[in-house]
């Protein structure tokens, strides 16, 4: 159980970092005056970061039930 909690927290942290890095990339592109809403990197970062975050969160919750 302890290993699952640690692993799920690591996955949540990776997902949060992926979302943060995507947000920073988006902010940097906006500062340059580029509209990046259609960029594949933005959507890939949002989807993969959100998926990692939700998988880690669900693993954390399932560790207690």
N, C-alpha and C. Protein backbone atom coordinates (compact mmCIF):
# COMPACT_ATOMS: atom_id res chain seq x y z
N UNK A 1 0.82 -1.18 0.00
CA UNK A 1 0.00 0.00 0.00
C UNK A 1 0.87 1.26 0.00
N UNK A 2 1.94 1.23 0.78
CA UNK A 2 2.83 2.39 0.86
C UNK A 2 3.49 2.67 -0.49
N UNK A 3 3.89 1.60 -1.18
CA UNK A 3 4.52 1.77 -2.50
C UNK A 3 3.53 2.37 -3.50
N UNK A 4 2.27 1.96 -3.42
CA UNK A 4 1.26 2.49 -4.33
C UNK A 4 1.02 3.97 -4.05
N UNK A 5 1.02 4.36 -2.81
CA UNK A 5 0.83 5.77 -2.46
C UNK A 5 1.98 6.61 -2.99
N UNK A 6 3.21 6.14 -2.79
CA UNK A 6 4.38 6.87 -3.28
C UNK A 6 4.36 6.95 -4.80
N UNK A 7 4.06 5.84 -5.47
CA UNK A 7 4.00 5.82 -6.93
C UNK A 7 2.92 6.76 -7.45
N UNK A 8 1.76 6.75 -6.82
CA UNK A 8 0.68 7.62 -7.27
C UNK A 8 1.04 9.09 -7.06
N UNK A 9 1.73 9.42 -5.98
CA UNK A 9 2.15 10.80 -5.77
C UNK A 9 3.19 11.23 -6.79
N UNK A 10 4.07 10.32 -7.18
CA UNK A 10 5.05 10.62 -8.22
C UNK A 10 4.34 10.87 -9.55
N UNK A 11 3.35 10.06 -9.87
CA UNK A 11 2.60 10.23 -11.13
C UNK A 11 1.83 11.55 -11.11
N UNK A 12 1.23 11.89 -9.98
CA UNK A 12 0.53 13.17 -9.87
C UNK A 12 1.51 14.32 -10.06
N UNK A 13 2.70 14.22 -9.46
CA UNK A 13 3.70 15.27 -9.60
C UNK A 13 4.16 15.40 -11.05
N UNK A 14 4.35 14.28 -11.73
CA UNK A 14 4.73 14.34 -13.15
C UNK A 14 3.65 14.99 -14.00
N UNK A 15 2.40 14.65 -13.73
CA UNK A 15 1.30 15.26 -14.45
C UNK A 15 1.20 16.75 -14.20
N UNK A 16 1.38 17.14 -12.95
CA UNK A 16 1.33 18.56 -12.61
C UNK A 16 2.49 19.31 -13.27
N UNK A 17 3.66 18.69 -13.30
CA UNK A 17 4.79 19.33 -13.95
C UNK A 17 4.56 19.46 -15.46
N UNK A 18 3.98 18.45 -16.06
CA UNK A 18 3.67 18.50 -17.49
C UNK A 18 2.68 19.62 -17.79
N UNK A 19 1.67 19.77 -16.97
CA UNK A 19 0.71 20.86 -17.15
C UNK A 19 1.37 22.22 -16.94
N UNK A 20 2.25 22.31 -15.95
CA UNK A 20 2.95 23.57 -15.70
C UNK A 20 3.88 23.92 -16.86
N UNK A 21 4.61 22.93 -17.36
CA UNK A 21 5.52 23.18 -18.49
C UNK A 21 4.74 23.59 -19.74
N UNK A 22 3.58 22.99 -19.95
CA UNK A 22 2.75 23.37 -21.09
C UNK A 22 2.24 24.79 -20.93
N UNK A 23 1.84 25.16 -19.73
CA UNK A 23 1.38 26.52 -19.47
C UNK A 23 2.50 27.52 -19.70
N UNK A 24 3.72 27.20 -19.24
CA UNK A 24 4.87 28.10 -19.45
C UNK A 24 5.18 28.25 -20.93
N UNK A 25 5.11 27.15 -21.68
CA UNK A 25 5.35 27.19 -23.12
C UNK A 25 4.30 28.06 -23.80
N UNK A 26 3.05 27.91 -23.41
CA UNK A 26 1.97 28.71 -23.99
C UNK A 26 2.18 30.20 -23.68
N UNK A 27 2.55 30.52 -22.44
CA UNK A 27 2.79 31.91 -22.07
C UNK A 27 3.95 32.51 -22.86
N UNK A 28 4.99 31.73 -23.08
CA UNK A 28 6.14 32.19 -23.84
C UNK A 28 5.76 32.47 -25.30
N UNK A 29 4.93 31.61 -25.86
CA UNK A 29 4.51 31.82 -27.24
C UNK A 29 3.57 33.03 -27.36
N UNK A 30 2.75 33.26 -26.36
CA UNK A 30 1.88 34.44 -26.36
C UNK A 30 2.70 35.71 -26.27
N UNK A 31 3.78 35.68 -25.49
CA UNK A 31 4.63 36.86 -25.36
C UNK A 31 5.30 37.20 -26.69
N UNK A 32 5.56 36.18 -27.51
CA UNK A 32 6.14 36.42 -28.83
C UNK A 32 5.09 36.84 -29.85
N UNK A 33 3.84 36.81 -29.46
CA UNK A 33 2.77 37.23 -30.35
C UNK A 33 2.23 36.12 -31.23
N UNK A 34 2.53 34.88 -30.89
CA UNK A 34 2.04 33.75 -31.68
C UNK A 34 0.83 33.14 -30.98
N UNK A 35 -0.19 32.83 -31.76
CA UNK A 35 -1.37 32.16 -31.23
C UNK A 35 -1.13 30.65 -31.32
N UNK A 36 -1.04 30.00 -30.19
CA UNK A 36 -0.67 28.59 -30.18
C UNK A 36 -1.84 27.67 -29.84
N UNK A 37 -3.07 28.14 -29.92
CA UNK A 37 -4.20 27.28 -29.57
C UNK A 37 -4.35 26.10 -30.52
N UNK A 38 -3.86 26.23 -31.74
CA UNK A 38 -3.97 25.13 -32.68
C UNK A 38 -2.70 24.27 -32.73
N UNK A 39 -1.73 24.59 -31.91
CA UNK A 39 -0.47 23.85 -31.94
C UNK A 39 -0.63 22.47 -31.32
N UNK A 40 -0.02 21.49 -31.97
CA UNK A 40 -0.10 20.12 -31.47
C UNK A 40 0.60 19.94 -30.14
N UNK A 41 1.69 20.69 -29.92
CA UNK A 41 2.42 20.54 -28.67
C UNK A 41 1.58 20.98 -27.47
N UNK A 42 0.80 22.03 -27.67
CA UNK A 42 -0.06 22.51 -26.59
C UNK A 42 -1.09 21.46 -26.21
N UNK A 43 -1.79 20.92 -27.20
CA UNK A 43 -2.83 19.93 -26.92
C UNK A 43 -2.24 18.63 -26.40
N UNK A 44 -1.09 18.23 -26.92
CA UNK A 44 -0.44 17.01 -26.42
C UNK A 44 -0.03 17.18 -24.95
N UNK A 45 0.47 18.35 -24.61
CA UNK A 45 0.84 18.62 -23.22
C UNK A 45 -0.35 18.64 -22.29
N UNK A 46 -1.44 19.23 -22.74
CA UNK A 46 -2.64 19.26 -21.91
C UNK A 46 -3.23 17.87 -21.72
N UNK A 47 -3.29 17.10 -22.79
CA UNK A 47 -3.88 15.76 -22.70
C UNK A 47 -3.00 14.83 -21.87
N UNK A 48 -1.70 14.82 -22.16
CA UNK A 48 -0.82 13.90 -21.42
C UNK A 48 -0.67 14.32 -19.96
N UNK A 49 -0.56 15.62 -19.70
CA UNK A 49 -0.46 16.09 -18.32
C UNK A 49 -1.73 15.83 -17.53
N UNK A 50 -2.87 16.09 -18.16
CA UNK A 50 -4.14 15.82 -17.49
C UNK A 50 -4.36 14.34 -17.24
N UNK A 51 -3.97 13.52 -18.22
CA UNK A 51 -4.13 12.07 -18.05
C UNK A 51 -3.23 11.56 -16.93
N UNK A 52 -1.98 11.99 -16.91
CA UNK A 52 -1.08 11.57 -15.82
C UNK A 52 -1.61 12.00 -14.47
N UNK A 53 -2.07 13.23 -14.39
CA UNK A 53 -2.59 13.74 -13.13
C UNK A 53 -3.79 12.93 -12.66
N UNK A 54 -4.72 12.65 -13.56
CA UNK A 54 -5.92 11.90 -13.19
C UNK A 54 -5.61 10.44 -12.86
N UNK A 55 -4.69 9.82 -13.59
CA UNK A 55 -4.29 8.44 -13.29
C UNK A 55 -3.65 8.36 -11.92
N UNK A 56 -2.76 9.31 -11.63
CA UNK A 56 -2.12 9.33 -10.31
C UNK A 56 -3.11 9.58 -9.19
N UNK A 57 -4.05 10.47 -9.45
CA UNK A 57 -5.07 10.77 -8.44
C UNK A 57 -5.97 9.57 -8.19
N UNK A 58 -6.35 8.87 -9.24
CA UNK A 58 -7.21 7.70 -9.06
C UNK A 58 -6.45 6.56 -8.36
N UNK A 59 -5.16 6.43 -8.65
CA UNK A 59 -4.37 5.41 -7.95
C UNK A 59 -4.22 5.77 -6.47
N UNK A 60 -4.06 7.04 -6.18
CA UNK A 60 -3.96 7.48 -4.79
C UNK A 60 -5.25 7.18 -4.03
N UNK A 61 -6.39 7.47 -4.64
CA UNK A 61 -7.67 7.23 -4.00
C UNK A 61 -7.90 5.74 -3.83
N UNK A 62 -7.54 4.94 -4.85
CA UNK A 62 -7.76 3.49 -4.76
C UNK A 62 -6.84 2.82 -3.74
N UNK A 63 -5.78 3.49 -3.34
CA UNK A 63 -4.89 2.92 -2.32
C UNK A 63 -5.58 2.85 -0.97
N UNK A 64 -6.58 3.67 -0.76
CA UNK A 64 -7.26 3.71 0.53
C UNK A 64 -8.58 2.95 0.54
N UNK A 65 -9.03 2.51 -0.64
CA UNK A 65 -10.32 1.79 -0.69
C UNK A 65 -10.15 0.42 -1.27
